[in-house]
C-alpha atoms as a PDB file:
ATOM      1  CA  UNK A   1     121.811 124.859 110.799  1.00  0.00           C
ATOM      2  CA  UNK A   2     118.105 124.411 111.476  1.00  0.00           C
ATOM      3  CA  UNK A   3     116.860 120.909 111.797  1.00  0.00           C
ATOM      4  CA  UNK A   4     114.303 119.850 109.074  1.00  0.00           C
ATOM      5  CA  UNK A   5     110.539 119.906 109.219  1.00  0.00           C
ATOM      6  CA  UNK A   6     108.679 116.769 110.239  1.00  0.00           C
ATOM      7  CA  UNK A   7     105.168 115.917 109.198  1.00  0.00           C
ATOM      8  CA  UNK A   8     103.666 113.608 111.826  1.00  0.00           C
ATOM      9  CA  UNK A   9     100.818 111.210 111.152  1.00  0.00           C
ATOM     10  CA  UNK A  10      98.792 109.611 113.935  1.00  0.00           C
ATOM     11  CA  UNK A  11      97.587 106.010 114.496  1.00  0.00           C
ATOM     12  CA  UNK A  12      94.040 104.970 113.888  1.00  0.00           C
ATOM     13  CA  UNK A  13      91.505 106.430 116.274  1.00  0.00           C
ATOM     14  CA  UNK A  14      94.063 108.707 118.053  1.00  0.00           C
ATOM     15  CA  UNK A  15      94.027 112.412 116.854  1.00  0.00           C
ATOM     16  CA  UNK A  16      97.445 113.981 116.544  1.00  0.00           C
ATOM     17  CA  UNK A  17      96.981 116.042 119.743  1.00  0.00           C
ATOM     18  CA  UNK A  18      97.041 112.737 121.662  1.00  0.00           C
ATOM     19  CA  UNK A  19     100.820 112.646 121.039  1.00  0.00           C
ATOM     20  CA  UNK A  20     101.432 116.103 122.456  1.00  0.00           C
ATOM     21  CA  UNK A  21     103.902 114.966 125.128  1.00  0.00           C
ATOM     22  CA  UNK A  22     106.102 113.070 122.596  1.00  0.00           C
ATOM     23  CA  UNK A  23     105.846 115.720 119.898  1.00  0.00           C
ATOM     24  CA  UNK A  24     106.632 118.652 122.346  1.00  0.00           C
ATOM     25  CA  UNK A  25     109.765 116.792 123.390  1.00  0.00           C
ATOM     26  CA  UNK A  26     110.769 116.326 119.697  1.00  0.00           C
ATOM     27  CA  UNK A  27     110.280 120.060 119.213  1.00  0.00           C
ATOM     28  CA  UNK A  28     112.484 120.809 122.225  1.00  0.00           C
ATOM     29  CA  UNK A  29     115.144 118.822 120.411  1.00  0.00           C
ATOM     30  CA  UNK A  30     115.080 121.394 117.619  1.00  0.00           C
ATOM     31  CA  UNK A  31     112.632 119.902 115.040  1.00  0.00           C
ATOM     32  CA  UNK A  32     109.660 121.630 113.587  1.00  0.00           C
ATOM     33  CA  UNK A  33     106.428 119.563 113.360  1.00  0.00           C
ATOM     34  CA  UNK A  34     103.173 119.803 111.338  1.00  0.00           C
ATOM     35  CA  UNK A  35     100.331 117.201 111.519  1.00  0.00           C
ATOM     36  CA  UNK A  36      96.860 116.443 110.299  1.00  0.00           C
ATOM     37  CA  UNK A  37      94.668 116.227 113.407  1.00  0.00           C
ATOM     38  CA  UNK A  38      92.360 113.452 112.159  1.00  0.00           C
ATOM     39  CA  UNK A  39      93.059 111.567 108.988  1.00  0.00           C
ATOM     40  CA  UNK A  40      90.051 110.156 107.183  1.00  0.00           C
ATOM     41  CA  UNK A  41      87.448 112.701 108.391  1.00  0.00           C
ATOM     42  CA  UNK A  42      87.616 114.988 105.265  1.00  0.00           C
ATOM     43  CA  UNK A  43      84.884 113.854 102.985  1.00  0.00           C
ATOM     44  CA  UNK A  44      87.153 114.695 100.014  1.00  0.00           C
ATOM     45  CA  UNK A  45      89.315 111.679 101.076  1.00  0.00           C
ATOM     46  CA  UNK A  46      87.015 108.814 101.837  1.00  0.00           C
ATOM     47  CA  UNK A  47      88.224 105.653 103.507  1.00  0.00           C
ATOM     48  CA  UNK A  48      88.302 102.754 101.018  1.00  0.00           C
ATOM     49  CA  UNK A  49      90.148  99.446 100.602  1.00  0.00           C
ATOM     50  CA  UNK A  50      93.923  99.830 100.635  1.00  0.00           C
ATOM     51  CA  UNK A  51      93.607 103.518 101.693  1.00  0.00           C
ATOM     52  CA  UNK A  52      94.348 105.282  98.359  1.00  0.00           C
ATOM     53  CA  UNK A  53      92.397 108.454  99.376  1.00  0.00           C
ATOM     54  CA  UNK A  54      94.159 108.633 102.801  1.00  0.00           C
ATOM     55  CA  UNK A  55      97.534 108.508 100.921  1.00  0.00           C
ATOM     56  CA  UNK A  56      96.266 111.398  98.794  1.00  0.00           C
ATOM     57  CA  UNK A  57      95.130 113.257 101.871  1.00  0.00           C
ATOM     58  CA  UNK A  58      98.527 113.084 103.415  1.00  0.00           C
ATOM     59  CA  UNK A  59     100.262 113.807 100.052  1.00  0.00           C
ATOM     60  CA  UNK A  60      98.199 116.969  99.666  1.00  0.00           C
ATOM     61  CA  UNK A  61      98.999 118.082 103.176  1.00  0.00           C
ATOM     62  CA  UNK A  62     102.802 117.411 102.658  1.00  0.00           C
ATOM     63  CA  UNK A  63     103.163 118.978  99.242  1.00  0.00           C
ATOM     64  CA  UNK A  64     103.003 122.735 100.148  1.00  0.00           C
ATOM     65  CA  UNK A  65     105.303 122.052 103.149  1.00  0.00           C
ATOM     66  CA  UNK A  66     107.940 120.380 101.057  1.00  0.00           C
ATOM     67  CA  UNK A  67     109.231 123.600  99.562  1.00  0.00           C
ATOM     68  CA  UNK A  68     111.978 124.656  99.126  1.00  0.00           C
ATOM     69  CA  UNK A  69     113.247 121.263 100.366  1.00  0.00           C
ATOM     70  CA  UNK A  70     111.686 117.842 101.146  1.00  0.00           C
ATOM     71  CA  UNK A  71     110.406 116.909 104.604  1.00  0.00           C
ATOM     72  CA  UNK A  72     110.804 113.959 106.895  1.00  0.00           C
ATOM     73  CA  UNK A  73     107.729 111.893 107.586  1.00  0.00           C
ATOM     74  CA  UNK A  74     107.149 110.246 111.029  1.00  0.00           C
ATOM     75  CA  UNK A  75     104.103 108.163 111.556  1.00  0.00           C
ATOM     76  CA  UNK A  76     102.569 105.801 114.141  1.00  0.00           C
ATOM     77  CA  UNK A  77     100.894 102.641 112.975  1.00  0.00           C
ATOM     78  CA  UNK A  78      98.385 103.790 110.216  1.00  0.00           C
ATOM     79  CA  UNK A  79     100.380 107.039 109.912  1.00  0.00           C
ATOM     80  CA  UNK A  80     103.677 105.256 109.307  1.00  0.00           C
ATOM     81  CA  UNK A  81     102.246 103.101 106.546  1.00  0.00           C
ATOM     82  CA  UNK A  82     100.685 106.129 104.852  1.00  0.00           C
ATOM     83  CA  UNK A  83     103.912 108.004 105.175  1.00  0.00           C
ATOM     84  CA  UNK A  84     105.868 105.180 103.449  1.00  0.00           C
ATOM     85  CA  UNK A  85     103.328 105.118 100.582  1.00  0.00           C
ATOM     86  CA  UNK A  86     103.569 108.848 100.162  1.00  0.00           C
ATOM     87  CA  UNK A  87     107.280 108.687 100.122  1.00  0.00           C
ATOM     88  CA  UNK A  88     107.347 105.902  97.495  1.00  0.00           C
ATOM     89  CA  UNK A  89     104.858 107.619  95.213  1.00  0.00           C
ATOM     90  CA  UNK A  90     106.096 111.283  95.614  1.00  0.00           C
ATOM     91  CA  UNK A  91     109.859 110.953  96.122  1.00  0.00           C
ATOM     92  CA  UNK A  92     110.549 114.684  95.532  1.00  0.00           C
ATOM     93  CA  UNK A  93     108.545 115.561  98.597  1.00  0.00           C
ATOM     94  CA  UNK A  94     110.110 113.253 101.220  1.00  0.00           C
ATOM     95  CA  UNK A  95     113.646 113.190 102.569  1.00  0.00           C
ATOM     96  CA  UNK A  96     113.141 110.192 104.955  1.00  0.00           C
ATOM     97  CA  UNK A  97     110.556 108.261 106.954  1.00  0.00           C
ATOM     98  CA  UNK A  98     110.479 106.991 110.534  1.00  0.00           C
ATOM     99  CA  UNK A  99     107.866 104.381 111.243  1.00  0.00           C
ATOM    100  CA  UNK A 100     106.588 103.900 114.809  1.00  0.00           C
ATOM    101  CA  UNK A 101     105.366 100.348 115.207  1.00  0.00           C
ATOM    102  CA  UNK A 102     103.775 100.335 111.758  1.00  0.00           C
ATOM    103  CA  UNK A 103     103.121  96.724 110.696  1.00  0.00           C
ATOM    104  CA  UNK A 104     104.237  96.511 107.106  1.00  0.00           C
ATOM    105  CA  UNK A 105     102.327  93.493 105.762  1.00  0.00           C
ATOM    106  CA  UNK A 106     103.858  91.398 102.987  1.00  0.00           C
ATOM    107  CA  UNK A 107     104.330  87.812 101.680  1.00  0.00           C
ATOM    108  CA  UNK A 108     101.792  85.140 102.536  1.00  0.00           C
ATOM    109  CA  UNK A 109     100.203  87.209 105.339  1.00  0.00           C
ATOM    110  CA  UNK A 110      99.240  89.899 102.779  1.00  0.00           C
ATOM    111  CA  UNK A 111      97.725  87.305 100.520  1.00  0.00           C
ATOM    112  CA  UNK A 112      95.776  85.839 103.488  1.00  0.00           C
ATOM    113  CA  UNK A 113      94.503  89.323 104.293  1.00  0.00           C
ATOM    114  CA  UNK A 114      93.482  89.887 100.703  1.00  0.00           C
ATOM    115  CA  UNK A 115      91.470  86.630 100.733  1.00  0.00           C
ATOM    116  CA  UNK A 116      90.017  87.320 104.203  1.00  0.00           C
ATOM    117  CA  UNK A 117      88.586  90.675 103.218  1.00  0.00           C
ATOM    118  CA  UNK A 118      86.255  88.905 100.777  1.00  0.00           C
ATOM    119  CA  UNK A 119      84.800  86.699 103.426  1.00  0.00           C
ATOM    120  CA  UNK A 120      81.328  87.533 104.873  1.00  0.00           C
ATOM    121  CA  UNK A 121      82.648  87.504 108.393  1.00  0.00           C
ATOM    122  CA  UNK A 122      85.780  89.601 107.494  1.00  0.00           C
ATOM    123  CA  UNK A 123      85.027  92.332 110.048  1.00  0.00           C
ATOM    124  CA  UNK A 124      84.660  89.860 112.861  1.00  0.00           C
ATOM    125  CA  UNK A 125      88.262  88.868 112.447  1.00  0.00           C
ATOM    126  CA  UNK A 126      89.637  92.480 112.475  1.00  0.00           C
ATOM    127  CA  UNK A 127      89.951  95.150 115.214  1.00  0.00           C
ATOM    128  CA  UNK A 128      86.841  96.681 113.586  1.00  0.00           C
ATOM    129  CA  UNK A 129      84.767  94.184 115.473  1.00  0.00           C
ATOM    130  CA  UNK A 130      85.745  96.116 118.641  1.00  0.00           C
ATOM    131  CA  UNK A 131      85.807  99.638 117.293  1.00  0.00           C
ATOM    132  CA  UNK A 132      82.342  99.358 115.740  1.00  0.00           C
ATOM    133  CA  UNK A 133      81.006  98.930 119.246  1.00  0.00           C
ATOM    134  CA  UNK A 134      83.109 101.562 120.920  1.00  0.00           C
ATOM    135  CA  UNK A 135      81.383 103.829 123.484  1.00  0.00           C
ATOM    136  CA  UNK A 136      81.076 107.308 121.947  1.00  0.00           C
ATOM    137  CA  UNK A 137      79.536 109.546 124.660  1.00  0.00           C
ATOM    138  CA  UNK A 138      79.618 110.438 128.369  1.00  0.00           C
ATOM    139  CA  UNK A 139      77.898 112.912 130.693  1.00  0.00           C
ATOM    140  CA  UNK A 140      81.027 115.128 130.947  1.00  0.00           C
ATOM    141  CA  UNK A 141      84.749 115.245 130.554  1.00  0.00           C
ATOM    142  CA  UNK A 142      85.472 113.752 133.918  1.00  0.00           C
ATOM    143  CA  UNK A 143      83.296 110.754 133.297  1.00  0.00           C
ATOM    144  CA  UNK A 144      85.091 110.143 129.916  1.00  0.00           C
ATOM    145  CA  UNK A 145      88.492 110.357 131.640  1.00  0.00           C
ATOM    146  CA  UNK A 146      87.310 107.830 134.399  1.00  0.00           C
ATOM    147  CA  UNK A 147      86.061 105.545 131.612  1.00  0.00           C
ATOM    148  CA  UNK A 148      89.413 105.329 129.953  1.00  0.00           C
ATOM    149  CA  UNK A 149      91.382 105.267 133.156  1.00  0.00           C
ATOM    150  CA  UNK A 150      89.638 102.004 134.073  1.00  0.00           C
ATOM    151  CA  UNK A 151      90.178 100.351 130.758  1.00  0.00           C
ATOM    152  CA  UNK A 152      92.938  97.805 130.598  1.00  0.00           C
ATOM    153  CA  UNK A 153      94.142  99.068 127.158  1.00  0.00           C
ATOM    154  CA  UNK A 154      95.031 102.399 128.719  1.00  0.00           C
ATOM    155  CA  UNK A 155      96.555 101.200 131.901  1.00  0.00           C
ATOM    156  CA  UNK A 156     100.196 101.699 130.783  1.00  0.00           C
ATOM    157  CA  UNK A 157      99.650 105.108 129.272  1.00  0.00           C
ATOM    158  CA  UNK A 158     101.570 108.157 130.579  1.00  0.00           C
ATOM    159  CA  UNK A 159      98.987 110.061 132.579  1.00  0.00           C
ATOM    160  CA  UNK A 160      99.423 113.343 130.603  1.00  0.00           C
ATOM    161  CA  UNK A 161      98.938 111.451 127.320  1.00  0.00           C
ATOM    162  CA  UNK A 162      95.722 110.031 128.536  1.00  0.00           C
ATOM    163  CA  UNK A 163      94.520 113.453 129.733  1.00  0.00           C
ATOM    164  CA  UNK A 164      95.428 114.841 126.337  1.00  0.00           C
ATOM    165  CA  UNK A 165      93.569 112.092 124.519  1.00  0.00           C
ATOM    166  CA  UNK A 166      90.421 112.715 126.525  1.00  0.00           C
ATOM    167  CA  UNK A 167      90.756 116.562 126.222  1.00  0.00           C
ATOM    168  CA  UNK A 168      91.381 116.443 122.430  1.00  0.00           C
ATOM    169  CA  UNK A 169      89.886 113.130 121.450  1.00  0.00           C
ATOM    170  CA  UNK A 170      86.445 114.068 122.850  1.00  0.00           C
ATOM    171  CA  UNK A 171      84.405 117.293 122.443  1.00  0.00           C
ATOM    172  CA  UNK A 172      81.195 118.777 123.917  1.00  0.00           C
ATOM    173  CA  UNK A 173      78.077 118.237 121.801  1.00  0.00           C
ATOM    174  CA  UNK A 174      74.534 119.603 122.346  1.00  0.00           C
ATOM    175  CA  UNK A 175      71.780 117.132 121.738  1.00  0.00           C
ATOM    176  CA  UNK A 176      68.296 116.129 123.025  1.00  0.00           C
ATOM    177  CA  UNK A 177      69.795 115.228 126.396  1.00  0.00           C
ATOM    178  CA  UNK A 178      71.688 118.511 126.746  1.00  0.00           C
ATOM    179  CA  UNK A 179      75.551 118.839 126.582  1.00  0.00           C
ATOM    180  CA  UNK A 180      77.263 115.533 126.262  1.00  0.00           C
ATOM    181  CA  UNK A 181      81.007 114.615 125.899  1.00  0.00           C
ATOM    182  CA  UNK A 182      81.388 112.714 122.566  1.00  0.00           C
ATOM    183  CA  UNK A 183      84.202 110.900 120.858  1.00  0.00           C
ATOM    184  CA  UNK A 184      85.750 113.022 118.145  1.00  0.00           C
ATOM    185  CA  UNK A 185      87.249 110.169 116.035  1.00  0.00           C
ATOM    186  CA  UNK A 186      84.251 108.689 114.205  1.00  0.00           C
ATOM    187  CA  UNK A 187      84.078 104.999 115.147  1.00  0.00           C
ATOM    188  CA  UNK A 188      82.732 104.046 111.688  1.00  0.00           C
ATOM    189  CA  UNK A 189      85.732 105.763 110.025  1.00  0.00           C
ATOM    190  CA  UNK A 190      88.071 103.922 112.501  1.00  0.00           C
ATOM    191  CA  UNK A 191      86.445 100.696 111.578  1.00  0.00           C
ATOM    192  CA  UNK A 192      86.647 101.335 107.852  1.00  0.00           C
ATOM    193  CA  UNK A 193      90.390 102.045 108.193  1.00  0.00           C
ATOM    194  CA  UNK A 194      90.853  98.709 109.918  1.00  0.00           C
ATOM    195  CA  UNK A 195      88.835  96.970 107.298  1.00  0.00           C
ATOM    196  CA  UNK A 196      90.827  98.547 104.463  1.00  0.00           C
ATOM    197  CA  UNK A 197      94.220  97.618 105.802  1.00  0.00           C
ATOM    198  CA  UNK A 198      96.548  97.494 102.728  1.00  0.00           C
ATOM    199  CA  UNK A 199      97.258  94.062 101.329  1.00  0.00           C
ATOM    200  CA  UNK A 200      99.244  95.328  98.344  1.00  0.00           C
ATOM    201  CA  UNK A 201     102.298  97.043  99.790  1.00  0.00           C
ATOM    202  CA  UNK A 202     104.904  94.815  98.152  1.00  0.00           C
ATOM    203  CA  UNK A 203     103.351  95.459  94.756  1.00  0.00           C
ATOM    204  CA  UNK A 204     103.335  99.225  95.546  1.00  0.00           C
ATOM    205  CA  UNK A 205     106.989  99.265  96.374  1.00  0.00           C
ATOM    206  CA  UNK A 206     107.928  97.237  93.328  1.00  0.00           C
ATOM    207  CA  UNK A 207     106.052  99.785  91.152  1.00  0.00           C
ATOM    208  CA  UNK A 208     107.369 102.705  93.150  1.00  0.00           C
ATOM    209  CA  UNK A 209     110.683 101.854  94.790  1.00  0.00           C
ATOM    210  CA  UNK A 210     111.593 103.916  97.835  1.00  0.00           C
ATOM    211  CA  UNK A 211     114.147 106.588  96.991  1.00  0.00           C
ATOM    212  CA  UNK A 212     114.751 107.824 100.548  1.00  0.00           C
ATOM    213  CA  UNK A 213     115.959 106.186 103.694  1.00  0.00           C
ATOM    214  CA  UNK A 214     113.564 104.756 106.227  1.00  0.00           C
ATOM    215  CA  UNK A 215     113.724 103.454 109.764  1.00  0.00           C
ATOM    216  CA  UNK A 216     111.391 101.584 112.111  1.00  0.00           C
ATOM    217  CA  UNK A 217     111.082 101.985 115.798  1.00  0.00           C
ATOM    218  CA  UNK A 218     109.105  99.096 117.331  1.00  0.00           C
ATOM    219  CA  UNK A 219     107.729  98.210 120.807  1.00  0.00           C
ATOM    220  CA  UNK A 220     109.406  95.199 122.363  1.00  0.00           C
ATOM    221  CA  UNK A 221     106.022  93.947 123.548  1.00  0.00           C
ATOM    222  CA  UNK A 222     104.153  94.903 120.371  1.00  0.00           C
ATOM    223  CA  UNK A 223     101.681  92.087 119.469  1.00  0.00           C
ATOM    224  CA  UNK A 224     100.939  93.762 116.227  1.00  0.00           C
ATOM    225  CA  UNK A 225     104.573  93.568 115.040  1.00  0.00           C
ATOM    226  CA  UNK A 226     104.812  89.961 116.262  1.00  0.00           C
ATOM    227  CA  UNK A 227     101.714  88.995 114.195  1.00  0.00           C
ATOM    228  CA  UNK A 228     102.920  90.664 111.066  1.00  0.00           C
ATOM    229  CA  UNK A 229     106.668  89.867 111.424  1.00  0.00           C
ATOM    230  CA  UNK A 230     109.628  92.082 110.502  1.00  0.00           C
ATOM    231  CA  UNK A 231     110.894  90.486 107.237  1.00  0.00           C
ATOM    232  CA  UNK A 232     109.247  93.043 104.956  1.00  0.00           C
ATOM    233  CA  UNK A 233     110.125  95.931 107.344  1.00  0.00           C
ATOM    234  CA  UNK A 234     113.815  94.880 107.347  1.00  0.00           C
ATOM    235  CA  UNK A 235     113.889  94.878 103.554  1.00  0.00           C
ATOM    236  CA  UNK A 236     112.182  98.245 103.197  1.00  0.00           C
ATOM    237  CA  UNK A 237     114.316  99.957 105.881  1.00  0.00           C
ATOM    238  CA  UNK A 238     117.467  98.074 104.941  1.00  0.00           C
ATOM    239  CA  UNK A 239     117.824  96.877 108.477  1.00  0.00           C
ATOM    240  CA  UNK A 240     117.346 100.271 110.241  1.00  0.00           C
ATOM    241  CA  UNK A 241     115.220  98.898 113.071  1.00  0.00           C
ATOM    242  CA  UNK A 242     115.330  99.935 116.722  1.00  0.00           C
ATOM    243  CA  UNK A 243     113.229  98.559 119.577  1.00  0.00           C
ATOM    244  CA  UNK A 244     112.096 100.330 122.706  1.00  0.00           C
ATOM    245  CA  UNK A 245     110.223  99.154 125.745  1.00  0.00           C
ATOM    246  CA  UNK A 246     106.510  99.075 125.348  1.00  0.00           C
ATOM    247  CA  UNK A 247     103.584  97.717 123.286  1.00  0.00           C
ATOM    248  CA  UNK A 248     102.207  98.873 119.933  1.00  0.00           C
ATOM    249  CA  UNK A 249     101.172 101.993 121.694  1.00  0.00           C
ATOM    250  CA  UNK A 250     104.652 102.837 123.170  1.00  0.00           C
ATOM    251  CA  UNK A 251     104.325 106.548 121.969  1.00  0.00           C
ATOM    252  CA  UNK A 252     101.576 106.927 124.559  1.00  0.00           C
ATOM    253  CA  UNK A 253     103.248 104.641 127.228  1.00  0.00           C
ATOM    254  CA  UNK A 254     106.788 106.059 126.993  1.00  0.00           C
ATOM    255  CA  UNK A 255     106.457 109.401 125.172  1.00  0.00           C
ATOM    256  CA  UNK A 256     109.871 110.839 126.158  1.00  0.00           C
ATOM    257  CA  UNK A 257     111.690 107.602 125.235  1.00  0.00           C
ATOM    258  CA  UNK A 258     109.781 107.577 121.971  1.00  0.00           C
ATOM    259  CA  UNK A 259     110.903 111.169 121.327  1.00  0.00           C
ATOM    260  CA  UNK A 260     114.533 110.289 122.017  1.00  0.00           C
ATOM    261  CA  UNK A 261     114.330 107.317 119.682  1.00  0.00           C
ATOM    262  CA  UNK A 262     112.760 109.480 116.927  1.00  0.00           C
ATOM    263  CA  UNK A 263     115.604 112.021 117.282  1.00  0.00           C
ATOM    264  CA  UNK A 264     118.171 109.209 117.069  1.00  0.00           C
ATOM    265  CA  UNK A 265     116.539 107.736 113.964  1.00  0.00           C
ATOM    266  CA  UNK A 266     116.147 111.030 112.233  1.00  0.00           C
ATOM    267  CA  UNK A 267     119.820 112.043 112.916  1.00  0.00           C
ATOM    268  CA  UNK A 268     120.877 108.727 111.538  1.00  0.00           C
ATOM    269  CA  UNK A 269     118.785 109.282 108.367  1.00  0.00           C
ATOM    270  CA  UNK A 270     120.174 112.806 108.043  1.00  0.00           C
ATOM    271  CA  UNK A 271     123.749 111.621 108.531  1.00  0.00           C
END
C-alpha cells in the first residue's frame, strides 16, 4: 500500500527548497510530498495579525490535494502552527499533523503577547527587530554563501542545506549596479510574520477542536520551545512528543535525523 501524501510547510524566512535534504530523505522512505515554496508572498494572502490569510493560503493549497483522501501536514515552526490551524478548521482535509519545533503559545504567555503587540515598542521585543535589518543583497552567489557561512546562526547547519538555502533562498536581480544576488524571502514579510505571531490559539482550538492526531518533534537545545513551554503542546498532541538533538533549526542541522523522526511520527499517527 502506498504511503500517504504529505504537505510540508516551511519556517519563517526559509523557502521550502531549503529543506531539500530532509524532504528527499522522507521521499526515499516512500512518502510523497508537496509544498508551498514561500508562504506570505502571494498578495491574495496578506500577512496580518494572527495569520488568518496565511492559514487560508495553506488551506487553499491543501484542498485540491486532499482528494480522494485527506493528507498529512508536516510543518516547521511557522509551518507547523499553520498546519495545526488548517487541521482544526478543515478536519475533512487533514489526516494528521507533525509539528517540527513549532512553539504553540497558550496560557499567560499568550495573554502577555497579546498585550505586548499593542505597545509602541512591540517590534523591538520580537525577532522582527533583527529581520527588519537583514542584509538582502550581495555581489554574487559565492559572496552570499560566504556571508552565511560566517554567521554564527548558520554554524551548525548541514553544509548541503546551507548551499540549498543560498541557491534557492537568493536569486539574481538586475538593477542599476548590474546583476546582484538578492534575498528571495522579503524581509518585510518575514518581519510581519513575526509581529503577527498568533496569541489566540487556545480559543481557536476550543472553537474548532482538533479531530485528527498530532505529534511534536522538538529540538533538545531549542530556545524557542523553552521560552514557550510544552504544556499547550502536550495537551494538543495528547503527549505525542519526541525530542531530537539540535536547536529550533534542527531540520537544517540534522536533516537525516529529522527525516527519520518524521517517518516515525507519521507511522505512529497512521497506526
